[in-house]
N, C-alpha and C. Protein backbone atom coordinates (compact mmCIF):
# COMPACT_ATOMS: atom_id res chain seq x y z
N MET A 1 -22.80 -116.39 312.05
CA MET A 1 -22.95 -115.14 312.77
C MET A 1 -24.12 -114.32 312.27
N CYS A 2 -24.58 -114.54 311.07
CA CYS A 2 -25.68 -113.73 310.56
C CYS A 2 -27.00 -114.47 310.70
N PRO A 3 -28.10 -113.75 310.79
CA PRO A 3 -29.39 -114.38 310.99
C PRO A 3 -29.76 -115.35 309.87
N GLN A 4 -29.34 -115.08 308.65
CA GLN A 4 -29.70 -115.94 307.54
C GLN A 4 -28.98 -117.28 307.58
N CYS A 5 -27.78 -117.31 308.16
CA CYS A 5 -26.98 -118.53 308.15
C CYS A 5 -27.23 -119.45 309.34
N CYS A 6 -27.46 -118.89 310.50
CA CYS A 6 -27.51 -119.74 311.69
C CYS A 6 -28.91 -119.90 312.26
N GLY A 7 -29.91 -119.28 311.68
CA GLY A 7 -31.27 -119.48 312.14
C GLY A 7 -31.63 -118.67 313.37
N CYS A 8 -30.84 -117.68 313.70
CA CYS A 8 -31.11 -116.90 314.92
C CYS A 8 -31.90 -115.64 314.57
N ARG A 9 -32.96 -115.78 313.83
CA ARG A 9 -33.74 -114.64 313.34
C ARG A 9 -34.39 -113.84 314.47
N ARG A 10 -34.48 -114.41 315.64
CA ARG A 10 -35.13 -113.71 316.74
C ARG A 10 -34.22 -112.68 317.41
N LEU A 11 -32.94 -112.71 317.09
CA LEU A 11 -32.02 -111.74 317.66
C LEU A 11 -32.20 -110.40 316.97
N PRO A 12 -32.01 -109.29 317.70
CA PRO A 12 -32.19 -107.97 317.08
C PRO A 12 -31.16 -107.73 315.98
N PRO A 13 -31.57 -107.14 314.87
CA PRO A 13 -30.64 -106.90 313.76
C PRO A 13 -29.46 -106.01 314.14
N GLN A 14 -29.63 -105.17 315.17
CA GLN A 14 -28.53 -104.29 315.59
C GLN A 14 -27.32 -105.10 316.06
N LEU A 15 -27.57 -106.31 316.52
CA LEU A 15 -26.49 -107.16 316.98
C LEU A 15 -25.53 -107.49 315.84
N PHE A 16 -26.02 -107.50 314.62
CA PHE A 16 -25.21 -107.89 313.48
C PHE A 16 -24.68 -106.71 312.67
N GLU A 17 -24.96 -105.50 313.10
CA GLU A 17 -24.46 -104.33 312.39
C GLU A 17 -22.95 -104.26 312.49
N GLY A 18 -22.30 -104.00 311.40
CA GLY A 18 -20.86 -103.84 311.36
C GLY A 18 -20.09 -105.14 311.19
N ILE A 19 -20.78 -106.26 311.17
CA ILE A 19 -20.10 -107.53 310.98
C ILE A 19 -19.82 -107.73 309.49
N ILE A 20 -18.57 -108.00 309.19
CA ILE A 20 -18.17 -108.23 307.81
C ILE A 20 -18.22 -109.73 307.55
N PRO A 21 -18.99 -110.17 306.56
CA PRO A 21 -18.99 -111.61 306.26
C PRO A 21 -17.59 -112.06 305.87
N PHE A 22 -17.19 -113.23 306.33
CA PHE A 22 -15.84 -113.71 306.06
C PHE A 22 -15.73 -114.25 304.65
N THR A 23 -14.67 -113.86 303.96
CA THR A 23 -14.37 -114.37 302.63
C THR A 23 -12.86 -114.56 302.49
N ILE A 24 -12.48 -115.45 301.61
CA ILE A 24 -11.09 -115.57 301.19
C ILE A 24 -11.09 -115.52 299.67
N SER A 25 -10.52 -114.47 299.13
CA SER A 25 -10.41 -114.38 297.68
C SER A 25 -9.00 -114.77 297.27
N THR A 26 -8.87 -115.25 296.06
CA THR A 26 -7.56 -115.70 295.57
C THR A 26 -7.18 -114.92 294.32
N GLN A 27 -5.91 -114.67 294.21
CA GLN A 27 -5.36 -114.02 293.03
C GLN A 27 -4.07 -114.76 292.67
N TYR A 28 -4.03 -115.28 291.47
CA TYR A 28 -2.86 -116.04 291.01
C TYR A 28 -1.91 -115.11 290.28
N LEU A 29 -0.64 -115.15 290.70
CA LEU A 29 0.42 -114.37 290.09
C LEU A 29 1.52 -115.35 289.69
N ASP A 30 1.49 -115.78 288.45
CA ASP A 30 2.39 -116.82 287.96
C ASP A 30 2.19 -118.08 288.81
N ASP A 31 3.25 -118.54 289.50
CA ASP A 31 3.17 -119.76 290.30
C ASP A 31 2.96 -119.49 291.79
N THR A 32 2.48 -118.28 292.11
CA THR A 32 2.20 -117.89 293.49
C THR A 32 0.74 -117.49 293.59
N VAL A 33 0.11 -117.85 294.70
CA VAL A 33 -1.27 -117.44 294.91
C VAL A 33 -1.31 -116.51 296.13
N LEU A 34 -2.10 -115.46 295.99
CA LEU A 34 -2.35 -114.53 297.08
C LEU A 34 -3.73 -114.84 297.64
N LEU A 35 -3.78 -115.26 298.91
CA LEU A 35 -5.05 -115.49 299.60
C LEU A 35 -5.35 -114.25 300.42
N MET A 36 -6.44 -113.57 300.10
CA MET A 36 -6.81 -112.35 300.81
C MET A 36 -8.02 -112.62 301.69
N ALA A 37 -7.77 -112.73 303.00
CA ALA A 37 -8.83 -112.98 303.96
C ALA A 37 -9.49 -111.65 304.33
N ARG A 38 -10.80 -111.71 304.54
CA ARG A 38 -11.55 -110.50 304.89
C ARG A 38 -12.67 -110.87 305.84
N GLY A 39 -12.72 -110.19 306.97
CA GLY A 39 -13.76 -110.45 307.97
C GLY A 39 -13.17 -111.16 309.18
N GLU A 40 -14.04 -111.57 310.07
CA GLU A 40 -13.63 -112.24 311.30
C GLU A 40 -13.50 -113.74 311.08
N ILE A 41 -12.39 -114.30 311.54
CA ILE A 41 -12.17 -115.74 311.42
C ILE A 41 -12.62 -116.38 312.72
N ASP A 42 -13.77 -117.03 312.66
CA ASP A 42 -14.30 -117.76 313.80
C ASP A 42 -14.88 -119.08 313.30
N ARG A 43 -15.50 -119.81 314.18
CA ARG A 43 -15.97 -121.15 313.82
C ARG A 43 -16.95 -121.14 312.65
N ALA A 44 -17.72 -120.07 312.52
CA ALA A 44 -18.71 -119.99 311.44
C ALA A 44 -18.08 -119.97 310.07
N CYS A 45 -16.82 -119.63 309.98
CA CYS A 45 -16.18 -119.54 308.67
C CYS A 45 -15.32 -120.76 308.33
N GLU A 46 -15.39 -121.81 309.12
CA GLU A 46 -14.61 -123.02 308.82
C GLU A 46 -14.83 -123.53 307.39
N PRO A 47 -16.08 -123.57 306.89
CA PRO A 47 -16.26 -124.04 305.50
C PRO A 47 -15.49 -123.20 304.48
N ALA A 48 -15.45 -121.89 304.66
CA ALA A 48 -14.72 -121.03 303.73
C ALA A 48 -13.22 -121.31 303.80
N CYS A 49 -12.71 -121.55 305.00
CA CYS A 49 -11.29 -121.88 305.17
C CYS A 49 -10.98 -123.22 304.51
N ASP A 50 -11.85 -124.20 304.74
CA ASP A 50 -11.66 -125.52 304.13
C ASP A 50 -11.70 -125.45 302.61
N ASP A 51 -12.63 -124.65 302.07
CA ASP A 51 -12.74 -124.50 300.62
C ASP A 51 -11.48 -123.86 300.04
N ALA A 52 -10.95 -122.86 300.74
CA ALA A 52 -9.73 -122.19 300.26
C ALA A 52 -8.57 -123.17 300.22
N LEU A 53 -8.44 -123.99 301.24
CA LEU A 53 -7.36 -124.99 301.25
C LEU A 53 -7.53 -126.01 300.14
N ALA A 54 -8.76 -126.47 299.96
CA ALA A 54 -9.03 -127.49 298.94
C ALA A 54 -8.80 -126.97 297.53
N SER A 55 -8.91 -125.67 297.33
CA SER A 55 -8.78 -125.11 295.99
C SER A 55 -7.33 -124.87 295.58
N LEU A 56 -6.39 -125.00 296.50
CA LEU A 56 -4.99 -124.72 296.17
C LEU A 56 -4.36 -125.87 295.40
N PRO A 57 -3.81 -125.58 294.23
CA PRO A 57 -3.11 -126.64 293.49
C PRO A 57 -1.80 -127.01 294.17
N ALA A 58 -1.36 -128.22 293.94
CA ALA A 58 -0.13 -128.72 294.56
C ALA A 58 1.12 -128.21 293.86
N THR A 59 0.97 -127.56 292.73
CA THR A 59 2.12 -127.18 291.91
C THR A 59 2.56 -125.74 292.11
N LEU A 60 2.15 -125.09 293.18
CA LEU A 60 2.51 -123.70 293.42
C LEU A 60 3.93 -123.56 293.93
N ASP A 61 4.55 -122.43 293.62
CA ASP A 61 5.85 -122.10 294.20
C ASP A 61 5.69 -121.38 295.54
N GLY A 62 4.60 -120.62 295.66
CA GLY A 62 4.41 -119.85 296.88
C GLY A 62 2.96 -119.53 297.16
N VAL A 63 2.67 -119.35 298.46
CA VAL A 63 1.35 -118.91 298.92
C VAL A 63 1.58 -117.72 299.84
N VAL A 64 0.86 -116.64 299.60
CA VAL A 64 0.91 -115.46 300.45
C VAL A 64 -0.47 -115.30 301.07
N LEU A 65 -0.52 -115.30 302.40
CA LEU A 65 -1.77 -115.10 303.13
C LEU A 65 -1.81 -113.67 303.63
N ASP A 66 -2.73 -112.88 303.10
CA ASP A 66 -2.87 -111.47 303.47
C ASP A 66 -3.97 -111.35 304.52
N MET A 67 -3.60 -110.89 305.72
CA MET A 67 -4.53 -110.82 306.84
C MET A 67 -4.90 -109.38 307.22
N GLN A 68 -4.60 -108.42 306.36
CA GLN A 68 -4.80 -107.02 306.74
C GLN A 68 -6.26 -106.64 306.96
N ASN A 69 -7.19 -107.41 306.40
CA ASN A 69 -8.61 -107.11 306.57
C ASN A 69 -9.30 -108.08 307.53
N VAL A 70 -8.52 -108.65 308.45
CA VAL A 70 -9.06 -109.56 309.46
C VAL A 70 -8.85 -108.91 310.83
N PRO A 71 -9.93 -108.33 311.40
CA PRO A 71 -9.78 -107.66 312.69
C PRO A 71 -9.84 -108.61 313.88
N PHE A 72 -10.38 -109.82 313.69
CA PHE A 72 -10.56 -110.76 314.80
C PHE A 72 -10.31 -112.18 314.32
N MET A 73 -9.69 -112.97 315.19
CA MET A 73 -9.43 -114.37 314.89
C MET A 73 -9.47 -115.14 316.19
N ASP A 74 -10.15 -116.29 316.18
CA ASP A 74 -10.12 -117.18 317.33
C ASP A 74 -9.31 -118.42 316.98
N VAL A 75 -9.50 -119.49 317.69
CA VAL A 75 -8.73 -120.71 317.47
C VAL A 75 -8.95 -121.27 316.06
N THR A 76 -10.06 -120.94 315.43
CA THR A 76 -10.31 -121.37 314.05
C THR A 76 -9.21 -120.85 313.13
N GLY A 77 -8.77 -119.63 313.36
CA GLY A 77 -7.68 -119.07 312.57
C GLY A 77 -6.38 -119.84 312.76
N LEU A 78 -6.13 -120.29 313.99
CA LEU A 78 -4.94 -121.10 314.24
C LEU A 78 -5.03 -122.44 313.52
N HIS A 79 -6.21 -123.05 313.54
CA HIS A 79 -6.40 -124.32 312.82
C HIS A 79 -6.18 -124.12 311.33
N PHE A 80 -6.72 -123.02 310.78
CA PHE A 80 -6.54 -122.73 309.36
C PHE A 80 -5.06 -122.53 309.04
N LEU A 81 -4.38 -121.76 309.88
CA LEU A 81 -2.96 -121.50 309.66
C LEU A 81 -2.15 -122.80 309.71
N CYS A 82 -2.45 -123.66 310.67
CA CYS A 82 -1.75 -124.96 310.77
C CYS A 82 -2.01 -125.82 309.54
N ALA A 83 -3.27 -125.87 309.11
CA ALA A 83 -3.60 -126.67 307.93
C ALA A 83 -2.91 -126.13 306.68
N LEU A 84 -2.88 -124.81 306.55
CA LEU A 84 -2.21 -124.18 305.41
C LEU A 84 -0.71 -124.47 305.46
N HIS A 85 -0.13 -124.39 306.64
CA HIS A 85 1.30 -124.67 306.80
C HIS A 85 1.60 -126.12 306.46
N ARG A 86 0.77 -127.06 306.95
CA ARG A 86 0.97 -128.48 306.63
C ARG A 86 0.89 -128.72 305.12
N GLN A 87 -0.11 -128.10 304.49
CA GLN A 87 -0.30 -128.30 303.05
C GLN A 87 0.87 -127.75 302.25
N THR A 88 1.30 -126.55 302.59
CA THR A 88 2.41 -125.96 301.83
C THR A 88 3.72 -126.71 302.09
N THR A 89 3.91 -127.19 303.29
CA THR A 89 5.11 -127.97 303.60
C THR A 89 5.10 -129.29 302.83
N ARG A 90 3.95 -129.95 302.80
CA ARG A 90 3.82 -131.23 302.09
C ARG A 90 4.15 -131.08 300.61
N HIS A 91 3.80 -129.93 300.02
CA HIS A 91 4.01 -129.71 298.59
C HIS A 91 5.27 -128.89 298.30
N HIS A 92 6.10 -128.67 299.33
CA HIS A 92 7.35 -127.92 299.18
C HIS A 92 7.08 -126.52 298.60
N THR A 93 6.06 -125.87 299.14
CA THR A 93 5.64 -124.55 298.70
C THR A 93 5.99 -123.54 299.79
N ARG A 94 6.53 -122.40 299.38
CA ARG A 94 6.82 -121.33 300.35
C ARG A 94 5.52 -120.71 300.85
N LEU A 95 5.46 -120.42 302.14
CA LEU A 95 4.30 -119.75 302.74
C LEU A 95 4.77 -118.47 303.39
N HIS A 96 4.10 -117.39 303.05
CA HIS A 96 4.40 -116.08 303.65
C HIS A 96 3.08 -115.47 304.10
N THR A 97 3.09 -114.80 305.24
CA THR A 97 1.90 -114.09 305.69
C THR A 97 2.24 -112.62 305.87
N ARG A 98 1.21 -111.80 305.83
CA ARG A 98 1.43 -110.36 306.00
C ARG A 98 0.15 -109.69 306.50
N GLY A 99 0.32 -108.50 307.05
CA GLY A 99 -0.81 -107.66 307.40
C GLY A 99 -1.56 -108.03 308.66
N TRP A 100 -0.88 -108.64 309.63
CA TRP A 100 -1.56 -109.06 310.86
C TRP A 100 -2.00 -107.84 311.67
N GLN A 101 -3.30 -107.77 311.98
CA GLN A 101 -3.82 -106.73 312.86
C GLN A 101 -3.56 -107.12 314.32
N ALA A 102 -3.84 -106.21 315.23
CA ALA A 102 -3.46 -106.37 316.64
C ALA A 102 -4.06 -107.63 317.28
N GLN A 103 -5.35 -107.85 317.18
CA GLN A 103 -5.97 -108.98 317.88
C GLN A 103 -5.52 -110.33 317.31
N PRO A 104 -5.54 -110.53 315.98
CA PRO A 104 -5.02 -111.80 315.47
C PRO A 104 -3.54 -112.00 315.80
N ARG A 105 -2.77 -110.94 315.78
CA ARG A 105 -1.34 -111.03 316.14
C ARG A 105 -1.19 -111.44 317.60
N TYR A 106 -2.07 -110.94 318.46
CA TYR A 106 -2.04 -111.33 319.87
C TYR A 106 -2.33 -112.82 320.03
N VAL A 107 -3.29 -113.34 319.24
CA VAL A 107 -3.60 -114.76 319.28
C VAL A 107 -2.37 -115.57 318.86
N LEU A 108 -1.69 -115.13 317.81
CA LEU A 108 -0.47 -115.82 317.38
C LEU A 108 0.61 -115.78 318.45
N ASP A 109 0.83 -114.60 319.02
CA ASP A 109 1.84 -114.47 320.07
C ASP A 109 1.51 -115.35 321.27
N SER A 110 0.22 -115.41 321.64
CA SER A 110 -0.21 -116.25 322.76
C SER A 110 0.00 -117.72 322.44
N ALA A 111 -0.25 -118.10 321.20
CA ALA A 111 -0.09 -119.50 320.80
C ALA A 111 1.35 -119.96 320.89
N LEU A 112 2.29 -119.04 320.77
CA LEU A 112 3.70 -119.41 320.89
C LEU A 112 4.03 -119.95 322.28
N HIS A 113 3.22 -119.59 323.27
CA HIS A 113 3.48 -120.00 324.65
C HIS A 113 2.79 -121.30 325.02
N LEU A 114 2.03 -121.88 324.10
CA LEU A 114 1.38 -123.16 324.37
C LEU A 114 2.38 -124.29 324.20
N ASP A 115 2.30 -125.27 325.04
CA ASP A 115 3.18 -126.42 324.94
C ASP A 115 2.33 -127.62 324.51
N LEU A 116 2.18 -127.80 323.21
CA LEU A 116 1.36 -128.87 322.68
C LEU A 116 2.27 -129.88 322.00
N ARG A 117 2.62 -130.91 322.69
CA ARG A 117 3.52 -131.92 322.14
C ARG A 117 2.87 -132.62 320.94
N GLY A 118 3.66 -132.82 319.90
CA GLY A 118 3.17 -133.50 318.71
C GLY A 118 2.38 -132.61 317.78
N ALA A 119 2.17 -131.35 318.14
CA ALA A 119 1.41 -130.44 317.28
C ALA A 119 2.36 -129.55 316.51
N ASP A 120 1.95 -129.16 315.33
CA ASP A 120 2.79 -128.27 314.53
C ASP A 120 2.38 -126.81 314.69
N LEU A 121 1.59 -126.52 315.73
CA LEU A 121 1.11 -125.16 315.96
C LEU A 121 2.27 -124.19 316.12
N ASN A 122 3.24 -124.53 316.95
CA ASN A 122 4.35 -123.61 317.20
C ASN A 122 5.13 -123.33 315.93
N ILE A 123 5.38 -124.35 315.14
CA ILE A 123 6.11 -124.17 313.88
C ILE A 123 5.31 -123.31 312.91
N ALA A 124 4.01 -123.57 312.80
CA ALA A 124 3.16 -122.79 311.89
C ALA A 124 3.11 -121.33 312.31
N VAL A 125 2.97 -121.08 313.61
CA VAL A 125 2.90 -119.69 314.10
C VAL A 125 4.24 -119.01 313.89
N ARG A 126 5.32 -119.69 314.20
CA ARG A 126 6.64 -119.09 313.98
C ARG A 126 6.87 -118.78 312.50
N ALA A 127 6.42 -119.65 311.63
CA ALA A 127 6.53 -119.41 310.20
C ALA A 127 5.69 -118.21 309.78
N ALA A 128 4.49 -118.11 310.33
CA ALA A 128 3.61 -116.98 310.00
C ALA A 128 4.21 -115.66 310.43
N LEU A 129 4.92 -115.69 311.53
CA LEU A 129 5.54 -114.46 312.06
C LEU A 129 6.97 -114.27 311.54
N ASP A 130 7.36 -115.11 310.59
CA ASP A 130 8.72 -115.04 310.01
C ASP A 130 9.80 -115.16 311.08
N LEU A 131 9.57 -116.06 312.05
CA LEU A 131 10.55 -116.28 313.12
C LEU A 131 11.41 -117.50 312.89
N LEU A 132 11.22 -118.21 311.79
CA LEU A 132 12.03 -119.40 311.51
C LEU A 132 13.25 -119.03 310.72
């Protein structure tokens, strides 16, 4: 999304004003990790999402995903949530999410209405919304 990353230097800088670069910071609290997402989750941030998943040890008791500083999320956020849910389920780790803003919450609510056979999207979204 930024001129330095995607090579779109010819676009006016005003187009990028107010855009928060996406980051996921981690804070370990005993056997639980807090993942604090910040910025917009879109396709440009897939590497950061992949890095966050790869950095999680298999020996955790819990993962908390804090979304309070994420104002926008597209399907990339759903993919990240599904991958995180698969990983925590595989390692018998509790997953909790919190702080969903209006637009990302709308994406989650909309995803509940998709009928994707063989996909764990519905289970991951229901888990994120504490509906299981």
